[in-house]
Amino acid sequence: MADDDWFDQGGGGGSAAPEDDWTSDEAAAPKAPPYAEPTERRRRPSRRTLVIGAVVLALAVAGVVAALAFTGGDTHHSSPPTATTPSTSTQPKSTTTTPRAASSTAPTTTLKPGDKGPQVKRLQRFLVLFGYSHDKVDGVYGPSTLASVKRFQAASHLTADGVVGPATLKALKQALGSR
């Protein structure tokens, strides 16, 4: 007979009680769960520990408040707004800077890769103005201008073939008019 078989009540009618009988003196004392250490009790944190913890928490909160106060608490305006007025700088402007909308006009003729001249410069100024290109305005319809025209056409829901035809010219003029 196994010592831990509590279904078995001794069976054979013997008068000796098994060791794990509930009437024994050992069974009357509460047993600690098997996962707890019987001799060690859990200690409460001392008052000193609680005070130190409260001070550390208060310093952390004060640091967050101070950081928000110095940054203004608003992270949505961390980058400066884009300039909408002409600069008042006395330095001469470079030809690679973004032209103002008033001086930009859309090209008036159809254009394709390999073309050169003032109409291509108009196209390139437009592409720089609207953020489709960051290259210099050189008047040559090369691979960079082709890729920029394709990006504009895709954004305008046109066939992105890189050729500035009548539909692309119309979209260029509409974009300049809405600006």
N, C-alpha and C. Protein backbone atom coordinates (compact mmCIF):
# COMPACT_ATOMS: atom_id res chain seq x y z
N MET A 1 0.85 -1.16 0.00
CA MET A 1 0.00 0.00 0.00
C MET A 1 0.89 1.22 0.00
N ALA A 2 0.54 2.20 -0.82
CA ALA A 2 1.34 3.41 -0.93
C ALA A 2 0.97 4.38 0.18
N ASP A 3 1.95 5.14 0.65
CA ASP A 3 1.72 6.09 1.74
C ASP A 3 0.80 7.23 1.33
N ASP A 4 0.76 7.58 0.08
CA ASP A 4 -0.04 8.73 -0.31
C ASP A 4 -1.39 8.34 -0.91
N ASP A 5 -1.82 7.12 -0.73
CA ASP A 5 -3.12 6.68 -1.25
C ASP A 5 -4.17 6.98 -0.22
N TRP A 6 -4.89 8.05 -0.35
CA TRP A 6 -5.86 8.47 0.65
C TRP A 6 -7.22 7.82 0.45
N PHE A 7 -7.39 7.16 -0.70
CA PHE A 7 -8.64 6.42 -0.89
C PHE A 7 -8.64 5.15 -0.06
N ASP A 8 -7.47 4.66 0.16
CA ASP A 8 -7.36 3.42 0.92
C ASP A 8 -7.40 3.74 2.40
N GLN A 9 -8.35 3.20 3.11
CA GLN A 9 -8.51 3.50 4.54
C GLN A 9 -7.89 2.41 5.41
N GLY A 10 -6.98 1.76 4.92
CA GLY A 10 -6.31 0.75 5.73
C GLY A 10 -6.82 -0.63 5.39
N GLY A 11 -7.90 -0.74 4.77
CA GLY A 11 -8.42 -1.96 4.18
C GLY A 11 -8.59 -3.12 5.12
N GLY A 12 -7.56 -3.74 5.59
CA GLY A 12 -7.63 -5.04 6.24
C GLY A 12 -8.17 -5.02 7.65
N GLY A 13 -8.66 -3.98 8.17
CA GLY A 13 -9.24 -3.96 9.49
C GLY A 13 -8.21 -3.88 10.58
N GLY A 14 -6.98 -3.57 10.25
CA GLY A 14 -5.96 -3.43 11.27
C GLY A 14 -6.23 -2.23 12.15
N SER A 15 -5.83 -2.26 13.37
CA SER A 15 -6.11 -1.18 14.31
C SER A 15 -5.10 -0.06 14.24
N ALA A 16 -3.96 -0.28 13.61
CA ALA A 16 -2.95 0.77 13.53
C ALA A 16 -3.34 1.75 12.42
N ALA A 17 -3.36 3.04 12.73
CA ALA A 17 -3.71 4.08 11.75
C ALA A 17 -2.50 4.38 10.87
N PRO A 18 -2.73 4.64 9.58
CA PRO A 18 -1.59 4.98 8.73
C PRO A 18 -1.00 6.32 9.13
N GLU A 19 0.23 6.58 8.68
CA GLU A 19 0.96 7.78 9.07
C GLU A 19 0.29 9.05 8.61
N ASP A 20 -0.42 9.03 7.48
CA ASP A 20 -1.02 10.26 6.98
C ASP A 20 -2.48 10.39 7.38
N ASP A 21 -2.86 9.74 8.44
CA ASP A 21 -4.23 9.82 8.92
C ASP A 21 -4.54 11.24 9.38
N TRP A 22 -5.72 11.74 9.09
CA TRP A 22 -6.09 13.12 9.41
C TRP A 22 -6.28 13.35 10.88
N THR A 23 -6.31 12.30 11.65
CA THR A 23 -6.47 12.46 13.08
C THR A 23 -5.15 12.56 13.82
N SER A 24 -4.07 12.39 13.12
CA SER A 24 -2.78 12.45 13.80
C SER A 24 -2.44 13.89 14.15
N ASP A 25 -1.50 14.09 15.04
CA ASP A 25 -1.09 15.41 15.49
C ASP A 25 -0.44 16.21 14.36
N GLU A 26 0.26 15.54 13.47
CA GLU A 26 0.89 16.22 12.36
C GLU A 26 -0.14 16.83 11.43
N ALA A 27 -1.22 16.10 11.22
CA ALA A 27 -2.24 16.59 10.30
C ALA A 27 -2.99 17.78 10.88
N ALA A 28 -3.03 17.94 12.15
CA ALA A 28 -3.73 19.06 12.79
C ALA A 28 -3.01 20.38 12.54
N ALA A 29 -1.70 20.36 12.39
CA ALA A 29 -0.94 21.58 12.12
C ALA A 29 -1.06 21.90 10.63
N PRO A 30 -1.27 23.18 10.27
CA PRO A 30 -1.40 23.52 8.83
C PRO A 30 -0.08 23.29 8.10
N LYS A 31 -0.20 22.70 6.95
CA LYS A 31 0.99 22.43 6.15
C LYS A 31 1.18 23.55 5.15
N ALA A 32 2.43 23.91 4.95
CA ALA A 32 2.77 24.94 3.96
C ALA A 32 2.67 24.31 2.57
N PRO A 33 2.28 25.07 1.59
CA PRO A 33 2.26 24.53 0.23
C PRO A 33 3.66 24.07 -0.18
N PRO A 34 3.73 23.10 -1.06
CA PRO A 34 5.04 22.56 -1.40
C PRO A 34 5.95 23.57 -2.10
N TYR A 35 5.41 24.63 -2.66
CA TYR A 35 6.24 25.61 -3.37
C TYR A 35 6.77 26.70 -2.45
N ALA A 36 6.26 26.81 -1.23
CA ALA A 36 6.72 27.85 -0.31
C ALA A 36 7.77 27.26 0.62
N GLU A 37 8.68 28.12 1.02
CA GLU A 37 9.69 27.67 1.99
C GLU A 37 9.10 27.83 3.38
N PRO A 38 9.05 26.79 4.13
CA PRO A 38 8.34 26.82 5.41
C PRO A 38 8.96 27.72 6.47
N THR A 39 10.26 27.95 6.42
CA THR A 39 10.89 28.72 7.49
C THR A 39 11.02 30.20 7.16
N GLU A 40 10.83 30.61 5.89
CA GLU A 40 11.04 32.00 5.52
C GLU A 40 9.70 32.66 5.20
N ARG A 41 9.40 33.77 5.86
CA ARG A 41 8.18 34.52 5.60
C ARG A 41 8.51 35.69 4.68
N ARG A 42 7.54 36.10 3.92
CA ARG A 42 7.73 37.25 3.02
C ARG A 42 7.75 38.52 3.86
N ARG A 43 8.76 39.34 3.60
CA ARG A 43 8.92 40.55 4.39
C ARG A 43 8.28 41.73 3.69
N ARG A 44 7.72 42.62 4.44
CA ARG A 44 7.18 43.87 3.91
C ARG A 44 8.33 44.82 3.65
N PRO A 45 8.18 45.69 2.64
CA PRO A 45 9.25 46.67 2.42
C PRO A 45 9.31 47.65 3.61
N SER A 46 10.50 48.04 3.95
CA SER A 46 10.66 48.95 5.07
C SER A 46 10.18 50.34 4.69
N ARG A 47 9.97 51.16 5.66
CA ARG A 47 9.54 52.53 5.42
C ARG A 47 10.59 53.29 4.61
N ARG A 48 11.83 53.00 4.87
CA ARG A 48 12.92 53.65 4.15
C ARG A 48 12.86 53.30 2.65
N THR A 49 12.61 52.05 2.32
CA THR A 49 12.50 51.62 0.93
C THR A 49 11.32 52.31 0.25
N LEU A 50 10.21 52.43 0.93
CA LEU A 50 9.04 53.09 0.37
C LEU A 50 9.31 54.58 0.10
N VAL A 51 10.00 55.25 1.02
CA VAL A 51 10.31 56.67 0.84
C VAL A 51 11.26 56.86 -0.34
N ILE A 52 12.27 56.02 -0.45
CA ILE A 52 13.22 56.12 -1.56
C ILE A 52 12.49 55.89 -2.89
N GLY A 53 11.61 54.92 -2.94
CA GLY A 53 10.85 54.66 -4.16
C GLY A 53 9.97 55.85 -4.55
N ALA A 54 9.33 56.47 -3.55
CA ALA A 54 8.48 57.63 -3.83
C ALA A 54 9.30 58.81 -4.34
N VAL A 55 10.50 59.01 -3.79
CA VAL A 55 11.36 60.10 -4.23
C VAL A 55 11.83 59.87 -5.67
N VAL A 56 12.20 58.65 -6.00
CA VAL A 56 12.64 58.33 -7.36
C VAL A 56 11.49 58.55 -8.34
N LEU A 57 10.30 58.13 -8.00
CA LEU A 57 9.13 58.33 -8.85
C LEU A 57 8.84 59.82 -9.04
N ALA A 58 8.93 60.60 -7.98
CA ALA A 58 8.67 62.03 -8.07
C ALA A 58 9.71 62.71 -8.96
N LEU A 59 10.97 62.31 -8.87
CA LEU A 59 12.02 62.88 -9.72
C LEU A 59 11.78 62.53 -11.19
N ALA A 60 11.32 61.33 -11.46
CA ALA A 60 11.05 60.93 -12.84
C ALA A 60 9.91 61.76 -13.42
N VAL A 61 8.86 61.96 -12.65
CA VAL A 61 7.73 62.77 -13.11
C VAL A 61 8.18 64.22 -13.32
N ALA A 62 8.98 64.74 -12.42
CA ALA A 62 9.48 66.11 -12.57
C ALA A 62 10.34 66.24 -13.83
N GLY A 63 11.12 65.23 -14.15
CA GLY A 63 11.93 65.26 -15.36
C GLY A 63 11.08 65.29 -16.62
N VAL A 64 10.01 64.52 -16.65
CA VAL A 64 9.11 64.51 -17.81
C VAL A 64 8.43 65.88 -17.95
N VAL A 65 7.98 66.44 -16.84
CA VAL A 65 7.32 67.75 -16.87
C VAL A 65 8.30 68.82 -17.36
N ALA A 66 9.53 68.76 -16.87
CA ALA A 66 10.53 69.75 -17.30
C ALA A 66 10.85 69.60 -18.79
N ALA A 67 10.94 68.38 -19.27
CA ALA A 67 11.21 68.16 -20.70
C ALA A 67 10.08 68.73 -21.55
N LEU A 68 8.86 68.51 -21.13
CA LEU A 68 7.72 69.06 -21.88
C LEU A 68 7.72 70.58 -21.83
N ALA A 69 8.11 71.14 -20.72
CA ALA A 69 8.12 72.60 -20.59
C ALA A 69 9.18 73.22 -21.50
N PHE A 70 10.34 72.58 -21.61
CA PHE A 70 11.41 73.14 -22.44
C PHE A 70 11.17 72.95 -23.92
N THR A 71 10.45 71.87 -24.29
CA THR A 71 10.18 71.63 -25.71
C THR A 71 8.86 72.24 -26.15
N GLY A 72 8.13 72.76 -25.25
CA GLY A 72 6.84 73.35 -25.59
C GLY A 72 5.73 72.31 -25.57
N GLY A 73 6.05 71.05 -25.37
CA GLY A 73 5.05 70.01 -25.28
C GLY A 73 4.39 69.64 -26.60
N ASP A 74 4.74 70.27 -27.68
CA ASP A 74 4.11 70.02 -28.96
C ASP A 74 5.14 69.48 -29.92
N THR A 75 5.03 68.19 -30.26
CA THR A 75 6.00 67.58 -31.15
C THR A 75 5.55 67.61 -32.60
N HIS A 76 4.35 68.09 -32.88
CA HIS A 76 3.86 68.10 -34.25
C HIS A 76 4.49 69.21 -35.08
N HIS A 77 5.05 70.22 -34.48
CA HIS A 77 5.62 71.33 -35.21
C HIS A 77 7.13 71.38 -35.03
N SER A 78 7.78 70.20 -35.07
CA SER A 78 9.21 70.18 -34.85
C SER A 78 9.99 70.66 -36.06
N SER A 79 9.43 70.53 -37.27
CA SER A 79 10.13 71.02 -38.44
C SER A 79 9.55 72.38 -38.82
N PRO A 80 10.38 73.26 -39.31
CA PRO A 80 9.88 74.59 -39.66
C PRO A 80 8.92 74.50 -40.85
N PRO A 81 7.94 75.37 -40.88
CA PRO A 81 7.01 75.34 -42.00
C PRO A 81 7.72 75.76 -43.29
N THR A 82 7.17 75.32 -44.41
CA THR A 82 7.79 75.68 -45.68
C THR A 82 7.56 77.15 -45.95
N ALA A 83 8.55 77.78 -46.53
CA ALA A 83 8.48 79.22 -46.78
C ALA A 83 7.53 79.50 -47.93
N THR A 84 6.62 80.46 -47.74
CA THR A 84 5.70 80.84 -48.80
C THR A 84 5.96 82.26 -49.28
N THR A 85 6.89 82.92 -48.60
CA THR A 85 7.23 84.29 -49.01
C THR A 85 8.64 84.29 -49.56
N PRO A 86 8.95 85.19 -50.48
CA PRO A 86 10.32 85.23 -51.00
C PRO A 86 11.29 85.65 -49.92
N SER A 87 12.50 85.13 -50.03
CA SER A 87 13.49 85.46 -49.02
C SER A 87 13.97 86.91 -49.21
N THR A 88 14.41 87.49 -48.11
CA THR A 88 14.88 88.87 -48.15
C THR A 88 16.39 88.92 -48.13
N SER A 89 17.01 87.81 -48.49
CA SER A 89 18.47 87.73 -48.48
C SER A 89 19.04 88.63 -49.57
N THR A 90 20.20 89.22 -49.28
CA THR A 90 20.85 90.08 -50.26
C THR A 90 21.78 89.30 -51.16
N GLN A 91 21.93 87.98 -50.89
CA GLN A 91 22.80 87.16 -51.72
C GLN A 91 22.08 86.85 -53.03
N PRO A 92 22.81 86.77 -54.13
CA PRO A 92 22.17 86.42 -55.40
C PRO A 92 21.69 84.98 -55.37
N LYS A 93 20.57 84.73 -56.00
CA LYS A 93 20.00 83.40 -56.01
C LYS A 93 20.70 82.54 -57.05
N SER A 94 20.84 81.28 -56.72
CA SER A 94 21.43 80.31 -57.62
C SER A 94 20.36 79.86 -58.62
N THR A 95 20.77 79.34 -59.75
CA THR A 95 19.81 78.87 -60.75
C THR A 95 19.23 77.51 -60.40
N THR A 96 19.77 76.84 -59.37
CA THR A 96 19.27 75.53 -59.00
C THR A 96 18.26 75.61 -57.87
N THR A 97 17.92 76.79 -57.38
CA THR A 97 16.93 76.90 -56.32
C THR A 97 15.54 76.73 -56.89
N THR A 98 14.60 76.43 -56.04
CA THR A 98 13.22 76.23 -56.46
C THR A 98 12.63 77.56 -56.88
N PRO A 99 12.12 77.68 -58.12
CA PRO A 99 11.53 78.94 -58.55
C PRO A 99 10.16 79.16 -57.91
N ARG A 100 9.74 80.41 -57.83
CA ARG A 100 8.43 80.73 -57.28
C ARG A 100 7.37 80.41 -58.31
N ALA A 101 6.16 80.20 -57.86
CA ALA A 101 5.06 79.82 -58.74
C ALA A 101 4.76 80.90 -59.76
N ALA A 102 4.94 82.16 -59.39
CA ALA A 102 4.61 83.25 -60.31
C ALA A 102 5.53 83.25 -61.53
N SER A 103 6.78 82.81 -61.35
CA SER A 103 7.71 82.84 -62.47
C SER A 103 7.69 81.53 -63.27
N SER A 104 6.97 80.50 -62.78
CA SER A 104 6.92 79.23 -63.49
C SER A 104 5.71 79.19 -64.39
N THR A 105 5.95 78.76 -65.59
CA THR A 105 4.88 78.52 -66.54
C THR A 105 5.08 77.15 -67.12
N ALA A 106 3.97 76.52 -67.46
CA ALA A 106 4.05 75.19 -68.05
C ALA A 106 4.56 75.30 -69.48
N PRO A 107 5.19 74.25 -69.98
CA PRO A 107 5.59 74.28 -71.38
C PRO A 107 4.36 74.35 -72.28
N THR A 108 4.54 74.88 -73.46
CA THR A 108 3.41 75.06 -74.38
C THR A 108 3.43 74.08 -75.53
N THR A 109 4.50 73.31 -75.66
CA THR A 109 4.60 72.33 -76.74
C THR A 109 4.83 70.95 -76.17
N THR A 110 4.52 69.94 -76.96
CA THR A 110 4.78 68.58 -76.52
C THR A 110 6.29 68.34 -76.50
N LEU A 111 6.70 67.48 -75.56
CA LEU A 111 8.13 67.21 -75.39
C LEU A 111 8.36 65.72 -75.23
N LYS A 112 9.55 65.29 -75.60
CA LYS A 112 9.92 63.89 -75.47
C LYS A 112 11.41 63.80 -75.13
N PRO A 113 11.86 62.63 -74.65
CA PRO A 113 13.28 62.46 -74.35
C PRO A 113 14.14 62.80 -75.56
N GLY A 114 15.23 63.52 -75.31
CA GLY A 114 16.15 63.95 -76.36
C GLY A 114 15.95 65.40 -76.76
N ASP A 115 14.78 65.99 -76.42
CA ASP A 115 14.53 67.39 -76.75
C ASP A 115 15.42 68.29 -75.91
N LYS A 116 15.69 69.51 -76.45
CA LYS A 116 16.50 70.50 -75.74
C LYS A 116 15.87 71.87 -75.96
N GLY A 117 16.17 72.80 -75.02
CA GLY A 117 15.74 74.17 -75.22
C GLY A 117 14.91 74.74 -74.10
N PRO A 118 14.35 75.95 -74.34
CA PRO A 118 13.63 76.68 -73.30
C PRO A 118 12.34 75.98 -72.85
N GLN A 119 11.68 75.22 -73.73
CA GLN A 119 10.48 74.50 -73.33
C GLN A 119 10.81 73.38 -72.34
N VAL A 120 11.95 72.74 -72.54
CA VAL A 120 12.41 71.71 -71.61
C VAL A 120 12.77 72.36 -70.27
N LYS A 121 13.37 73.55 -70.29
CA LYS A 121 13.67 74.26 -69.05
C LYS A 121 12.38 74.57 -68.29
N ARG A 122 11.33 74.98 -68.99
CA ARG A 122 10.03 75.24 -68.33
C ARG A 122 9.53 73.97 -67.65
N LEU A 123 9.62 72.86 -68.37
CA LEU A 123 9.20 71.58 -67.81
C LEU A 123 10.01 71.23 -66.57
N GLN A 124 11.33 71.39 -66.65
CA GLN A 124 12.19 71.05 -65.52
C GLN A 124 11.93 71.96 -64.32
N ARG A 125 11.65 73.25 -64.58
CA ARG A 125 11.32 74.16 -63.46
C ARG A 125 10.04 73.71 -62.78
N PHE A 126 9.06 73.31 -63.56
CA PHE A 126 7.81 72.80 -62.99
C PHE A 126 8.09 71.57 -62.12
N LEU A 127 8.87 70.63 -62.65
CA LEU A 127 9.15 69.39 -61.92
C LEU A 127 9.88 69.66 -60.61
N VAL A 128 10.78 70.65 -60.61
CA VAL A 128 11.47 71.03 -59.38
C VAL A 128 10.50 71.71 -58.43
N LEU A 129 9.67 72.60 -58.94
CA LEU A 129 8.72 73.36 -58.13
C LEU A 129 7.77 72.44 -57.38
N PHE A 130 7.29 71.41 -58.05
CA PHE A 130 6.32 70.51 -57.44
C PHE A 130 6.96 69.29 -56.77
N GLY A 131 8.28 69.26 -56.69
CA GLY A 131 8.96 68.21 -55.93
C GLY A 131 9.16 66.90 -56.67
N TYR A 132 8.98 66.88 -57.96
CA TYR A 132 9.20 65.65 -58.72
C TYR A 132 10.66 65.50 -59.14
N SER A 133 11.44 66.55 -59.04
CA SER A 133 12.85 66.50 -59.42
C SER A 133 13.65 67.38 -58.47
N HIS A 134 14.90 67.01 -58.28
CA HIS A 134 15.83 67.80 -57.48
C HIS A 134 17.10 68.10 -58.28
N ASP A 135 16.99 67.88 -59.58
CA ASP A 135 18.15 68.09 -60.45
C ASP A 135 18.21 69.53 -60.94
N LYS A 136 19.32 69.88 -61.55
CA LYS A 136 19.48 71.24 -62.07
C LYS A 136 18.66 71.40 -63.36
N VAL A 137 18.27 72.62 -63.60
CA VAL A 137 17.51 72.96 -64.81
C VAL A 137 18.54 73.26 -65.89
N ASP A 138 18.69 72.30 -66.83
CA ASP A 138 19.72 72.47 -67.86
C ASP A 138 19.17 72.51 -69.28
N GLY A 139 17.84 72.30 -69.44
CA GLY A 139 17.25 72.38 -70.77
C GLY A 139 17.43 71.14 -71.61
N VAL A 140 17.89 70.03 -71.04
CA VAL A 140 18.09 68.79 -71.77
C VAL A 140 17.14 67.73 -71.21
N TYR A 141 16.29 67.17 -72.07
CA TYR A 141 15.32 66.15 -71.66
C TYR A 141 16.04 64.80 -71.63
N GLY A 142 16.72 64.55 -70.50
CA GLY A 142 17.51 63.33 -70.34
C GLY A 142 16.80 62.32 -69.46
N PRO A 143 17.53 61.31 -68.99
CA PRO A 143 16.95 60.24 -68.18
C PRO A 143 16.32 60.74 -66.87
N SER A 144 16.94 61.73 -66.24
CA SER A 144 16.41 62.26 -64.99
C SER A 144 15.07 62.97 -65.22
N THR A 145 14.99 63.76 -66.27
CA THR A 145 13.74 64.45 -66.60
C THR A 145 12.68 63.43 -66.98
N LEU A 146 13.05 62.40 -67.72
CA LEU A 146 12.13 61.34 -68.09
C LEU A 146 11.52 60.68 -66.86
N ALA A 147 12.38 60.33 -65.88
CA ALA A 147 11.89 59.69 -64.65
C ALA A 147 10.99 60.63 -63.86
N SER A 148 11.31 61.91 -63.82
CA SER A 148 10.50 62.89 -63.11
C SER A 148 9.14 63.07 -63.78
N VAL A 149 9.11 63.09 -65.11
CA VAL A 149 7.85 63.22 -65.84
C VAL A 149 6.97 61.99 -65.57
N LYS A 150 7.58 60.82 -65.54
CA LYS A 150 6.82 59.59 -65.25
C LYS A 150 6.20 59.64 -63.86
N ARG A 151 6.95 60.17 -62.87
CA ARG A 151 6.40 60.29 -61.51
C ARG A 151 5.21 61.24 -61.50
N PHE A 152 5.34 62.38 -62.21
CA PHE A 152 4.23 63.34 -62.29
C PHE A 152 3.02 62.70 -62.97
N GLN A 153 3.24 61.99 -64.06
CA GLN A 153 2.14 61.36 -64.79
C GLN A 153 1.43 60.33 -63.91
N ALA A 154 2.19 59.52 -63.18
CA ALA A 154 1.58 58.51 -62.30
C ALA A 154 0.76 59.19 -61.20
N ALA A 155 1.29 60.27 -60.64
CA ALA A 155 0.56 60.98 -59.58
C ALA A 155 -0.68 61.67 -60.13
N SER A 156 -0.67 61.99 -61.42
CA SER A 156 -1.82 62.66 -62.05
C SER A 156 -2.77 61.66 -62.71
N HIS A 157 -2.56 60.38 -62.48
CA HIS A 157 -3.39 59.30 -63.02
C HIS A 157 -3.39 59.30 -64.55
N LEU A 158 -2.23 59.55 -65.11
CA LEU A 158 -2.04 59.50 -66.56
C LEU A 158 -1.15 58.30 -66.88
N THR A 159 -1.11 57.94 -68.16
CA THR A 159 -0.20 56.89 -68.58
C THR A 159 1.23 57.39 -68.41
N ALA A 160 2.00 56.67 -67.60
CA ALA A 160 3.36 57.11 -67.28
C ALA A 160 4.33 56.63 -68.35
N ASP A 161 4.31 57.32 -69.50
CA ASP A 161 5.20 56.96 -70.59
C ASP A 161 6.40 57.90 -70.71
N GLY A 162 6.41 58.99 -69.96
CA GLY A 162 7.52 59.93 -69.98
C GLY A 162 7.47 60.93 -71.11
N VAL A 163 6.45 60.88 -71.94
CA VAL A 163 6.31 61.82 -73.05
C VAL A 163 5.29 62.88 -72.63
N VAL A 164 5.66 64.15 -72.79
CA VAL A 164 4.75 65.24 -72.43
C VAL A 164 3.87 65.52 -73.65
N GLY A 165 2.73 64.83 -73.67
CA GLY A 165 1.75 65.00 -74.74
C GLY A 165 0.66 65.96 -74.30
N PRO A 166 -0.44 66.05 -75.07
CA PRO A 166 -1.52 66.98 -74.75
C PRO A 166 -2.14 66.77 -73.36
N ALA A 167 -2.34 65.52 -72.95
CA ALA A 167 -2.94 65.25 -71.63
C ALA A 167 -2.00 65.68 -70.50
N THR A 168 -0.71 65.42 -70.67
CA THR A 168 0.27 65.82 -69.65
C THR A 168 0.40 67.34 -69.61
N LEU A 169 0.39 68.00 -70.76
CA LEU A 169 0.44 69.47 -70.79
C LEU A 169 -0.76 70.06 -70.04
N LYS A 170 -1.94 69.49 -70.26
CA LYS A 170 -3.14 69.97 -69.57
C LYS A 170 -3.00 69.79 -68.06
N ALA A 171 -2.48 68.63 -67.62
CA ALA A 171 -2.29 68.37 -66.19
C ALA A 171 -1.26 69.33 -65.59
N LEU A 172 -0.21 69.65 -66.35
CA LEU A 172 0.80 70.61 -65.87
C LEU A 172 0.17 71.98 -65.65
N LYS A 173 -0.63 72.43 -66.61
CA LYS A 173 -1.28 73.74 -66.49
C LYS A 173 -2.28 73.77 -65.34
N GLN A 174 -3.01 72.68 -65.15
CA GLN A 174 -3.96 72.63 -64.04
C GLN A 174 -3.23 72.67 -62.70
N ALA A 175 -2.12 71.96 -62.60
CA ALA A 175 -1.35 71.96 -61.36
C ALA A 175 -0.81 73.35 -61.04
N LEU A 176 -0.35 74.07 -62.07
CA LEU A 176 0.16 75.43 -61.85
C LEU A 176 -0.99 76.38 -61.49
N GLY A 177 -2.15 76.16 -62.08
CA GLY A 177 -3.30 77.03 -61.77
C GLY A 177 -3.83 76.83 -60.38
N SER A 178 -3.70 75.62 -59.84
CA SER A 178 -4.20 75.35 -58.49
C SER A 178 -3.22 75.78 -57.44
N ARG A 179 -2.05 76.18 -57.81
CA ARG A 179 -1.02 76.58 -56.84
C ARG A 179 -1.14 78.02 -56.48
